[in-house]
């Protein structure tokens, strides 16, 4: 019983911290700061306990890599 309570308490703490950091990253997209990096960091924290966050983090990283390659190829053409 105690282990169950501690595990759920820890999962709740991870959720709150990861969510706050992710929200701060979203805010930083519109204000000065490292928004995308903060979002990835927040999702990384959430991914330690939640599968959905891990999948979302992987999709975001793949998307950013693809966009980075598109931008590189655009500048190499010009």
Protein backbone atom coordinates (compact mmCIF):
# COMPACT_ATOMS: atom_id res chain seq x y z
CA UNK A 1 0.00 0.00 0.00
CA UNK A 2 2.76 2.43 0.92
CA UNK A 3 4.66 1.60 -2.28
CA UNK A 4 1.54 2.33 -4.33
CA UNK A 5 1.09 5.72 -2.65
CA UNK A 6 4.75 6.66 -3.12
CA UNK A 7 4.72 5.59 -6.77
CA UNK A 8 1.57 7.61 -7.52
CA UNK A 9 2.93 10.61 -5.60
CA UNK A 10 6.16 10.45 -7.64
CA UNK A 11 4.21 10.11 -10.89
CA UNK A 12 2.14 13.17 -9.94
CA UNK A 13 5.28 15.21 -9.16
CA UNK A 14 6.83 14.21 -12.52
CA UNK A 15 3.60 15.17 -14.29
CA UNK A 16 3.40 18.59 -12.63
CA UNK A 17 7.07 19.47 -13.20
CA UNK A 18 7.07 18.22 -16.81
CA UNK A 19 3.81 20.01 -17.58
CA UNK A 20 5.04 23.31 -16.12
CA UNK A 21 8.29 23.15 -18.11
CA UNK A 22 6.42 22.24 -21.30
CA UNK A 23 3.97 25.11 -20.81
CA UNK A 24 6.87 27.50 -20.19
CA UNK A 25 8.39 26.30 -23.47
CA UNK A 26 5.15 27.01 -25.31
CA UNK A 27 5.09 30.50 -23.80
CA UNK A 28 8.71 30.98 -24.88
CA UNK A 29 7.69 30.34 -28.49
CA UNK A 30 6.04 33.78 -28.37
CA UNK A 31 8.45 35.49 -25.99
CA UNK A 32 12.26 35.56 -25.82
CA UNK A 33 13.74 32.22 -24.84
CA UNK A 34 14.58 28.73 -26.03
CA UNK A 35 10.99 27.56 -26.58
CA UNK A 36 11.50 24.41 -28.65
CA UNK A 37 14.39 23.23 -26.50
CA UNK A 38 12.34 23.77 -23.33
CA UNK A 39 9.38 21.88 -24.80
CA UNK A 40 11.63 18.94 -25.67
CA UNK A 41 13.11 19.04 -22.15
CA UNK A 42 9.63 19.12 -20.56
CA UNK A 43 8.44 16.23 -22.70
CA UNK A 44 11.62 14.37 -21.79
CA UNK A 45 10.72 14.70 -18.12
CA UNK A 46 7.17 13.53 -18.81
CA UNK A 47 8.52 10.63 -20.91
CA UNK A 48 10.17 9.13 -17.85
CA UNK A 49 6.71 8.13 -16.61
CA UNK A 50 4.29 8.44 -19.54
CA UNK A 51 4.42 6.55 -22.85
CA UNK A 52 2.34 9.19 -24.68
CA UNK A 53 4.94 11.85 -23.86
CA UNK A 54 7.73 9.63 -25.16
CA UNK A 55 5.93 9.16 -28.48
CA UNK A 56 5.14 12.87 -28.74
CA UNK A 57 8.75 13.77 -27.98
CA UNK A 58 10.01 11.37 -30.68
CA UNK A 59 7.57 12.78 -33.26
CA UNK A 60 8.63 16.34 -32.43
CA UNK A 61 12.33 15.47 -32.77
CA UNK A 62 11.74 13.69 -36.11
CA UNK A 63 9.75 16.68 -37.39
CA UNK A 64 12.47 19.12 -36.38
CA UNK A 65 15.19 16.99 -38.00
CA UNK A 66 13.19 16.87 -41.24
CA UNK A 67 12.64 20.62 -41.21
CA UNK A 68 16.33 21.18 -40.48
CA UNK A 69 17.31 19.08 -43.48
CA UNK A 70 14.79 20.94 -45.65
CA UNK A 71 16.29 24.26 -44.59
CA UNK A 72 19.84 23.01 -45.24
CA UNK A 73 18.94 21.78 -48.71
CA UNK A 74 17.23 25.09 -49.48
CA UNK A 75 20.37 27.07 -48.65
CA UNK A 76 22.65 24.67 -50.54
CA UNK A 77 20.59 25.24 -53.70
CA UNK A 78 21.02 29.01 -53.51
